[in-house]
């Protein structure tokens, strides 16, 4: 084989190699292009999801901000128990009972016979002539005591006896049992077997009774107690 034939043969092989490389390179490009084409919908979808997620996060933050501002503008409506006072109206004693505070004692200083006929529900009978003895046997000196009786003079005298005996929190309930009846306070005794009111069976009647009860309480607030 002469030199020209050898050169032609090498040139042919080199051309074939180059062609093979070009084909392989083109195949790689086609594969990459195919992959890009196939991934394009996913990338677009992911982009949309990211945008939606971002908008949702922004909306949630705005909603939380609106809620926080609304809460800041709300008044403080947390109920609080009535404060202890040495002179109280019947509705104030009732309010404390409705609040559910157990650390108090209601003392009826009338005689036993009158007590048995009708008294505030849960009250303890401690007639004036034996008040100090009964109290010292059963009551803590720091307990909240609410006293009522026949009249303001009797109640004032009972409160003085307890305070001198060392009781620190003694309150005089103004108006006595009559004031308690006017606000429909719960009572017990053999003279209190009354027919239940319509409010015991009907919610609308009970709401009406409740409104009337609050009206009486407001009237008592405005009127001086005897």
Foldseek 3Di string as FASTA:
>chain_A
DDPVVVVVVVVVVVVVVVVVVVVVVVVVVVVVVVVCVVCVVVVVVVVVVVVVVVVVVVVVVVVVVVVVVVVVPDDPPDDDQDDADQEAELVNVVSNVVVPDDQEAEEEQEDPVVVQAKDFPRHDYQHPVRNVVVCVVDHDLATAYEYAYDAPVSQVSSQVVSVVVRRDHHHYYFQHPVSCVLLVGDMDHPNPPDDDDPVVPDVVVVVVSNVSSVVSVVVPVVDDTD
